[in-house]
């Protein structure tokens, strides 16, 4: 069995049984996007959030996810490992129960360690969401490379 980590907007952190990409949709209540990346246990982890989290008023501030991602995040988020799927393509991949439990304990410890920062995020963003915005980045690869 494979698992993801669920960080709920109410600060609960749980392991969640993972079957396929639709599991992430269930976890975040809709279509998802990667809203953050962090490193733990010498591996990259991807934070997935509802892609409309700034537009949906019913989604509550997720202060823990906001701390991890460095910007306000609303709604529940799914955390999966950055890795490769069965087709050897770059993907978000679930982990075994032991690794999921280890990450859940680490994230819970982080909540206690950074409790003042999490409370500050709550005070700043719980009452009003920032306006949605987009940043367009354009780049090209030199022809010689």
N, C-alpha and C. Protein backbone atom coordinates (compact mmCIF):
# COMPACT_ATOMS: atom_id res chain seq x y z
N UNK A 1 0.82 -1.17 0.00
CA UNK A 1 0.00 0.00 0.00
C UNK A 1 0.88 1.26 0.00
N UNK A 2 0.40 2.31 -0.68
CA UNK A 2 1.15 3.55 -0.80
C UNK A 2 0.36 4.68 -0.14
N UNK A 3 1.11 5.72 0.29
CA UNK A 3 0.49 6.80 1.06
C UNK A 3 0.99 8.17 0.62
N UNK A 4 0.16 9.17 0.90
CA UNK A 4 0.52 10.58 0.79
C UNK A 4 0.29 11.18 2.17
N UNK A 5 0.73 12.40 2.35
CA UNK A 5 0.51 13.10 3.62
C UNK A 5 -0.50 14.20 3.36
N UNK A 6 -1.50 14.29 4.22
CA UNK A 6 -2.54 15.30 4.12
C UNK A 6 -2.34 16.32 5.22
N UNK A 7 -2.15 17.58 4.84
CA UNK A 7 -2.09 18.67 5.82
C UNK A 7 -3.41 19.42 5.68
N UNK A 8 -4.23 19.29 6.69
CA UNK A 8 -5.56 19.90 6.65
C UNK A 8 -5.50 21.35 7.09
N UNK A 9 -6.45 22.14 6.63
CA UNK A 9 -6.49 23.56 6.98
C UNK A 9 -6.68 23.76 8.49
N UNK A 10 -7.23 22.76 9.17
CA UNK A 10 -7.42 22.87 10.62
C UNK A 10 -6.19 22.40 11.41
N UNK A 11 -5.05 22.26 10.73
CA UNK A 11 -3.76 21.90 11.32
C UNK A 11 -3.55 20.42 11.59
N UNK A 12 -4.52 19.58 11.30
CA UNK A 12 -4.31 18.14 11.47
C UNK A 12 -3.45 17.63 10.33
N UNK A 13 -2.56 16.71 10.66
CA UNK A 13 -1.69 16.09 9.66
C UNK A 13 -1.93 14.59 9.71
N UNK A 14 -2.25 14.01 8.56
CA UNK A 14 -2.61 12.59 8.51
C UNK A 14 -1.90 11.91 7.34
N UNK A 15 -1.73 10.60 7.47
CA UNK A 15 -1.35 9.82 6.30
C UNK A 15 -2.64 9.45 5.57
N UNK A 16 -2.55 9.33 4.26
CA UNK A 16 -3.74 9.14 3.44
C UNK A 16 -3.42 8.06 2.40
N UNK A 17 -4.25 7.04 2.32
CA UNK A 17 -4.00 5.97 1.37
C UNK A 17 -4.10 6.48 -0.06
N UNK A 18 -3.09 6.18 -0.85
CA UNK A 18 -2.97 6.69 -2.22
C UNK A 18 -3.20 5.56 -3.22
N UNK A 19 -4.08 5.79 -4.20
CA UNK A 19 -4.28 4.81 -5.26
C UNK A 19 -3.82 5.33 -6.62
N UNK A 20 -4.17 6.58 -6.94
CA UNK A 20 -3.77 7.18 -8.21
C UNK A 20 -3.87 8.70 -8.09
N UNK A 21 -3.64 9.40 -9.20
CA UNK A 21 -3.64 10.86 -9.17
C UNK A 21 -4.97 11.42 -8.69
N UNK A 22 -6.06 10.67 -8.87
CA UNK A 22 -7.36 11.16 -8.41
C UNK A 22 -7.43 11.23 -6.88
N UNK A 23 -6.55 10.50 -6.22
CA UNK A 23 -6.45 10.60 -4.77
C UNK A 23 -6.10 12.03 -4.37
N UNK A 24 -5.19 12.65 -5.12
CA UNK A 24 -4.79 14.03 -4.82
C UNK A 24 -6.00 14.96 -4.99
N UNK A 25 -6.80 14.72 -6.02
CA UNK A 25 -8.00 15.54 -6.21
C UNK A 25 -8.94 15.42 -5.02
N UNK A 26 -9.10 14.23 -4.50
CA UNK A 26 -9.94 14.04 -3.32
C UNK A 26 -9.35 14.77 -2.11
N UNK A 27 -8.05 14.69 -1.96
CA UNK A 27 -7.39 15.29 -0.81
C UNK A 27 -7.53 16.81 -0.79
N UNK A 28 -7.44 17.44 -1.97
CA UNK A 28 -7.46 18.91 -2.04
C UNK A 28 -8.80 19.46 -2.50
N UNK A 29 -9.78 18.58 -2.70
CA UNK A 29 -11.14 18.97 -3.08
C UNK A 29 -11.19 19.67 -4.43
N UNK A 30 -10.59 19.04 -5.45
CA UNK A 30 -10.67 19.58 -6.80
C UNK A 30 -9.40 19.39 -7.58
N UNK A 31 -9.34 20.07 -8.72
CA UNK A 31 -8.12 20.02 -9.52
C UNK A 31 -6.98 20.61 -8.71
N UNK A 32 -5.78 20.14 -8.98
CA UNK A 32 -4.65 20.53 -8.14
C UNK A 32 -3.48 21.05 -8.97
N UNK A 33 -2.61 21.75 -8.25
CA UNK A 33 -1.35 22.22 -8.81
C UNK A 33 -0.30 22.11 -7.72
N UNK A 34 0.94 22.12 -8.12
CA UNK A 34 2.03 22.12 -7.14
C UNK A 34 2.22 23.55 -6.67
N UNK A 35 2.10 23.75 -5.36
CA UNK A 35 2.20 25.11 -4.82
C UNK A 35 3.43 25.29 -3.93
N UNK A 36 4.22 24.24 -3.78
CA UNK A 36 5.42 24.37 -2.97
C UNK A 36 6.30 23.13 -3.07
N UNK A 37 7.57 23.34 -2.79
CA UNK A 37 8.56 22.26 -2.79
C UNK A 37 9.43 22.46 -1.55
N UNK A 38 9.71 21.38 -0.85
CA UNK A 38 10.63 21.48 0.27
C UNK A 38 11.49 20.22 0.33
N UNK A 39 12.57 20.30 1.06
CA UNK A 39 13.48 19.17 1.20
C UNK A 39 13.42 18.67 2.64
N UNK A 40 13.28 17.35 2.77
CA UNK A 40 13.32 16.70 4.08
C UNK A 40 13.87 15.30 3.87
N UNK A 41 14.68 14.86 4.80
CA UNK A 41 15.31 13.54 4.70
C UNK A 41 16.04 13.37 3.37
N UNK A 42 16.69 14.45 2.93
CA UNK A 42 17.50 14.47 1.71
C UNK A 42 16.70 14.12 0.46
N UNK A 43 15.39 14.42 0.49
CA UNK A 43 14.54 14.20 -0.67
C UNK A 43 13.66 15.42 -0.88
N UNK A 44 13.28 15.64 -2.15
CA UNK A 44 12.36 16.74 -2.47
C UNK A 44 10.93 16.26 -2.33
N UNK A 45 10.12 17.09 -1.66
CA UNK A 45 8.70 16.81 -1.46
C UNK A 45 7.89 17.90 -2.14
N UNK A 46 6.77 17.51 -2.73
CA UNK A 46 5.92 18.44 -3.46
C UNK A 46 4.62 18.66 -2.69
N UNK A 47 4.24 19.91 -2.55
CA UNK A 47 2.99 20.28 -1.89
C UNK A 47 1.97 20.59 -2.99
N UNK A 48 0.85 19.87 -2.97
CA UNK A 48 -0.21 20.04 -3.96
C UNK A 48 -1.40 20.73 -3.30
N UNK A 49 -1.93 21.76 -3.95
CA UNK A 49 -3.08 22.47 -3.41
C UNK A 49 -4.16 22.55 -4.48
N UNK A 50 -5.34 22.93 -4.07
CA UNK A 50 -6.43 23.16 -5.00
C UNK A 50 -6.03 24.33 -5.89
N UNK A 51 -6.14 24.15 -7.20
CA UNK A 51 -5.67 25.20 -8.11
C UNK A 51 -6.51 26.47 -8.04
N UNK A 52 -7.67 26.41 -7.43
CA UNK A 52 -8.51 27.60 -7.30
C UNK A 52 -8.58 28.10 -5.86
N UNK A 53 -7.53 27.84 -5.08
CA UNK A 53 -7.60 28.15 -3.65
C UNK A 53 -7.80 29.64 -3.35
N UNK A 54 -7.39 30.52 -4.23
CA UNK A 54 -7.62 31.95 -3.98
C UNK A 54 -9.01 32.39 -4.44
N UNK A 55 -9.65 31.60 -5.27
CA UNK A 55 -10.95 31.98 -5.81
C UNK A 55 -12.12 31.39 -5.01
N UNK A 56 -11.88 30.30 -4.32
CA UNK A 56 -12.96 29.62 -3.60
C UNK A 56 -13.03 30.12 -2.15
N UNK A 57 -14.05 30.87 -1.86
CA UNK A 57 -14.19 31.49 -0.54
C UNK A 57 -14.33 30.49 0.60
N UNK A 58 -14.85 29.29 0.32
CA UNK A 58 -15.08 28.33 1.39
C UNK A 58 -13.79 27.67 1.90
N UNK A 59 -12.71 27.79 1.15
CA UNK A 59 -11.45 27.20 1.59
C UNK A 59 -10.80 28.07 2.66
N UNK A 60 -10.46 27.45 3.76
CA UNK A 60 -9.87 28.16 4.90
C UNK A 60 -8.34 28.21 4.78
N UNK A 61 -7.75 29.19 5.43
CA UNK A 61 -6.30 29.32 5.45
C UNK A 61 -5.66 28.05 6.02
N UNK A 62 -4.62 27.58 5.35
CA UNK A 62 -3.82 26.47 5.85
C UNK A 62 -2.48 27.07 6.27
N UNK A 63 -2.37 27.42 7.54
CA UNK A 63 -1.18 28.14 8.02
C UNK A 63 0.07 27.28 7.95
N UNK A 64 -0.07 25.98 8.20
CA UNK A 64 1.11 25.09 8.12
C UNK A 64 1.62 25.03 6.69
N UNK A 65 0.73 24.82 5.73
CA UNK A 65 1.15 24.77 4.33
C UNK A 65 1.70 26.13 3.88
N UNK A 66 1.11 27.21 4.39
CA UNK A 66 1.60 28.55 4.05
C UNK A 66 3.03 28.74 4.52
N UNK A 67 3.34 28.25 5.71
CA UNK A 67 4.71 28.35 6.22
C UNK A 67 5.67 27.56 5.33
N UNK A 68 5.29 26.36 4.96
CA UNK A 68 6.14 25.51 4.12
C UNK A 68 6.35 26.13 2.74
N UNK A 69 5.27 26.67 2.16
CA UNK A 69 5.33 27.17 0.78
C UNK A 69 5.83 28.61 0.68
N UNK A 70 5.80 29.35 1.78
CA UNK A 70 6.29 30.72 1.76
C UNK A 70 5.28 31.73 1.22
N UNK A 71 4.04 31.32 1.07
CA UNK A 71 2.97 32.23 0.66
C UNK A 71 1.65 31.67 1.16
N UNK A 72 0.61 32.50 1.23
CA UNK A 72 -0.67 32.02 1.77
C UNK A 72 -1.28 30.90 0.92
N UNK A 73 -1.66 29.82 1.57
CA UNK A 73 -2.30 28.68 0.92
C UNK A 73 -3.61 28.43 1.65
N UNK A 74 -4.66 28.16 0.89
CA UNK A 74 -5.99 27.92 1.46
C UNK A 74 -6.46 26.53 1.09
N UNK A 75 -7.07 25.85 2.05
CA UNK A 75 -7.59 24.50 1.83
C UNK A 75 -6.59 23.44 2.24
N UNK A 76 -7.05 22.20 2.18
CA UNK A 76 -6.19 21.06 2.50
C UNK A 76 -5.15 20.87 1.40
N UNK A 77 -3.97 20.35 1.76
CA UNK A 77 -2.93 20.08 0.77
C UNK A 77 -2.45 18.64 0.90
N UNK A 78 -1.93 18.14 -0.21
CA UNK A 78 -1.36 16.80 -0.28
C UNK A 78 0.15 16.93 -0.47
N UNK A 79 0.89 16.12 0.27
CA UNK A 79 2.35 16.12 0.16
C UNK A 79 2.79 14.75 -0.36
N UNK A 80 3.52 14.78 -1.47
CA UNK A 80 4.05 13.55 -2.06
C UNK A 80 5.51 13.76 -2.41
N UNK A 81 6.20 12.68 -2.60
CA UNK A 81 7.61 12.72 -2.95
C UNK A 81 7.79 13.12 -4.41
N UNK A 82 8.82 13.88 -4.69
CA UNK A 82 9.18 14.22 -6.07
C UNK A 82 10.04 13.06 -6.57
N UNK A 83 9.54 12.34 -7.55
CA UNK A 83 10.27 11.17 -8.02
C UNK A 83 9.87 10.76 -9.42
N UNK A 84 9.88 9.46 -9.67
CA UNK A 84 9.58 8.91 -10.99
C UNK A 84 8.51 7.83 -10.85
N UNK A 85 7.56 7.83 -11.78
CA UNK A 85 6.49 6.83 -11.76
C UNK A 85 6.94 5.54 -12.45
N UNK A 86 5.98 4.61 -12.64
CA UNK A 86 6.29 3.31 -13.24
C UNK A 86 6.82 3.43 -14.67
N UNK A 87 6.44 4.49 -15.37
CA UNK A 87 6.91 4.71 -16.74
C UNK A 87 8.23 5.48 -16.77
N UNK A 88 8.83 5.66 -15.61
CA UNK A 88 10.09 6.38 -15.45
C UNK A 88 9.98 7.84 -15.87
N UNK A 89 8.78 8.43 -15.64
CA UNK A 89 8.55 9.84 -15.91
C UNK A 89 8.55 10.60 -14.60
N UNK A 90 9.04 11.83 -14.63
CA UNK A 90 9.04 12.68 -13.44
C UNK A 90 7.62 12.86 -12.95
N UNK A 91 7.37 12.65 -11.66
CA UNK A 91 6.01 12.67 -11.15
C UNK A 91 6.02 12.84 -9.64
N UNK A 92 4.84 13.11 -9.11
CA UNK A 92 4.61 13.08 -7.67
C UNK A 92 4.33 11.63 -7.32
N UNK A 93 5.09 11.09 -6.39
CA UNK A 93 4.93 9.66 -6.09
C UNK A 93 4.62 9.46 -4.60
N UNK A 94 3.75 8.48 -4.33
CA UNK A 94 3.44 8.16 -2.94
C UNK A 94 4.59 7.41 -2.29
N UNK A 95 4.49 7.22 -0.99
CA UNK A 95 5.54 6.55 -0.23
C UNK A 95 4.94 5.42 0.59
N UNK A 96 5.81 4.59 1.17
CA UNK A 96 5.32 3.52 2.02
C UNK A 96 4.85 4.08 3.36
N UNK A 97 4.17 3.27 4.13
CA UNK A 97 3.57 3.71 5.39
C UNK A 97 4.62 4.25 6.37
N UNK A 98 5.75 3.59 6.48
CA UNK A 98 6.80 4.02 7.40
C UNK A 98 7.31 5.42 7.05
N UNK A 99 7.55 5.67 5.76
CA UNK A 99 8.04 6.98 5.33
C UNK A 99 6.96 8.05 5.53
N UNK A 100 5.71 7.70 5.23
CA UNK A 100 4.61 8.65 5.43
C UNK A 100 4.47 9.02 6.91
N UNK A 101 4.55 8.02 7.77
CA UNK A 101 4.46 8.29 9.22
C UNK A 101 5.63 9.14 9.70
N UNK A 102 6.81 8.87 9.18
CA UNK A 102 8.00 9.66 9.53
C UNK A 102 7.82 11.12 9.13
N UNK A 103 7.28 11.35 7.92
CA UNK A 103 7.05 12.72 7.45
C UNK A 103 5.95 13.39 8.27
N UNK A 104 4.91 12.66 8.62
CA UNK A 104 3.84 13.21 9.45
C UNK A 104 4.38 13.68 10.80
N UNK A 105 5.25 12.88 11.40
CA UNK A 105 5.86 13.25 12.69
C UNK A 105 6.74 14.49 12.51
N UNK A 106 7.53 14.54 11.45
CA UNK A 106 8.38 15.71 11.20
C UNK A 106 7.54 16.98 11.03
N UNK A 107 6.47 16.89 10.24
CA UNK A 107 5.63 18.07 10.01
C UNK A 107 4.92 18.50 11.29
N UNK A 108 4.51 17.55 12.11
CA UNK A 108 3.89 17.88 13.39
C UNK A 108 4.90 18.58 14.30
N UNK A 109 6.11 18.07 14.32
CA UNK A 109 7.17 18.71 15.12
C UNK A 109 7.43 20.13 14.61
N UNK A 110 7.42 20.31 13.29
CA UNK A 110 7.61 21.63 12.71
C UNK A 110 6.52 22.60 13.17
N UNK A 111 5.28 22.10 13.26
CA UNK A 111 4.18 22.95 13.73
C UNK A 111 4.46 23.48 15.14
N UNK A 112 4.97 22.62 16.00
CA UNK A 112 5.25 23.05 17.38
C UNK A 112 6.46 23.99 17.42
N UNK A 113 7.48 23.68 16.64
CA UNK A 113 8.69 24.50 16.63
C UNK A 113 8.41 25.90 16.12
N UNK A 114 7.58 26.00 15.08
CA UNK A 114 7.31 27.28 14.44
C UNK A 114 5.92 27.81 14.78
N UNK A 115 5.40 27.44 15.94
CA UNK A 115 4.05 27.87 16.35
C UNK A 115 3.88 29.39 16.29
N UNK A 116 4.85 30.20 16.76
CA UNK A 116 4.67 31.66 16.67
C UNK A 116 4.56 32.14 15.21
N UNK A 117 5.33 31.54 14.32
CA UNK A 117 5.27 31.94 12.91
C UNK A 117 3.93 31.53 12.29
N UNK A 118 3.44 30.36 12.65
CA UNK A 118 2.16 29.89 12.14
C UNK A 118 1.04 30.80 12.63
N UNK A 119 1.12 31.21 13.88
CA UNK A 119 0.09 32.11 14.43
C UNK A 119 0.14 33.47 13.73
N UNK A 120 1.33 33.95 13.41
CA UNK A 120 1.48 35.21 12.70
C UNK A 120 0.84 35.12 11.30
N UNK A 121 1.05 33.98 10.63
CA UNK A 121 0.43 33.77 9.32
C UNK A 121 -1.08 33.79 9.45
N UNK A 122 -1.60 33.12 10.48
CA UNK A 122 -3.05 33.11 10.72
C UNK A 122 -3.59 34.53 10.91
N UNK A 123 -2.92 35.31 11.73
CA UNK A 123 -3.37 36.67 12.00
C UNK A 123 -3.37 37.52 10.73
N UNK A 124 -2.38 37.31 9.88
CA UNK A 124 -2.24 38.14 8.69
C UNK A 124 -3.20 37.75 7.57
N UNK A 125 -3.46 36.45 7.39
CA UNK A 125 -4.20 36.01 6.21
C UNK A 125 -5.55 35.35 6.46
N UNK A 126 -5.95 35.14 7.70
CA UNK A 126 -7.22 34.45 7.97
C UNK A 126 -8.43 35.29 7.58
N UNK A 127 -8.33 36.59 7.64
CA UNK A 127 -9.50 37.45 7.45
C UNK A 127 -9.73 37.87 6.02
N UNK A 128 -8.68 37.89 5.21
CA UNK A 128 -8.87 38.27 3.81
C UNK A 128 -7.79 37.59 2.96
N UNK A 129 -8.22 37.10 1.82
CA UNK A 129 -7.30 36.45 0.89
C UNK A 129 -6.62 37.49 0.02
N UNK A 130 -5.38 37.25 -0.34
CA UNK A 130 -4.73 38.15 -1.31
C UNK A 130 -5.41 38.02 -2.67
N UNK A 131 -5.33 39.04 -3.48
CA UNK A 131 -5.90 39.00 -4.81
C UNK A 131 -5.11 38.03 -5.68
N UNK A 132 -5.80 37.23 -6.49
CA UNK A 132 -5.08 36.34 -7.41
C UNK A 132 -4.25 37.16 -8.39
N UNK A 133 -3.07 36.66 -8.70
CA UNK A 133 -2.22 37.33 -9.68
C UNK A 133 -1.45 36.28 -10.45
N UNK A 134 -0.88 36.68 -11.54
CA UNK A 134 -0.09 35.77 -12.36
C UNK A 134 1.23 36.42 -12.68
N UNK A 135 2.25 35.61 -12.72
CA UNK A 135 3.56 36.09 -13.12
C UNK A 135 3.95 35.29 -14.35
N UNK A 136 4.27 35.96 -15.42
CA UNK A 136 4.65 35.29 -16.65
C UNK A 136 6.16 35.36 -16.78
N UNK A 137 6.75 34.20 -16.92
CA UNK A 137 8.20 34.11 -17.06
C UNK A 137 8.50 33.54 -18.43
N UNK A 138 9.35 34.19 -19.15
CA UNK A 138 9.70 33.74 -20.49
C UNK A 138 11.22 33.56 -20.55
N UNK A 139 11.62 32.49 -21.18
CA UNK A 139 13.05 32.28 -21.35
C UNK A 139 13.26 31.48 -22.62
N UNK A 140 14.46 31.52 -23.12
CA UNK A 140 14.78 30.72 -24.31
C UNK A 140 16.17 30.11 -24.11
N UNK A 141 16.38 29.03 -24.78
CA UNK A 141 17.67 28.33 -24.72
C UNK A 141 18.50 28.79 -25.90
N UNK A 142 19.74 29.22 -25.64
CA UNK A 142 20.60 29.62 -26.76
C UNK A 142 20.76 28.47 -27.75
N UNK A 143 20.81 28.79 -29.04
CA UNK A 143 20.90 27.77 -30.08
C UNK A 143 22.18 26.97 -30.01
N UNK A 144 23.24 27.53 -29.45
CA UNK A 144 24.54 26.85 -29.41
C UNK A 144 24.58 25.74 -28.38
N UNK A 145 23.62 25.68 -27.51
CA UNK A 145 23.66 24.67 -26.43
C UNK A 145 22.75 23.53 -26.68
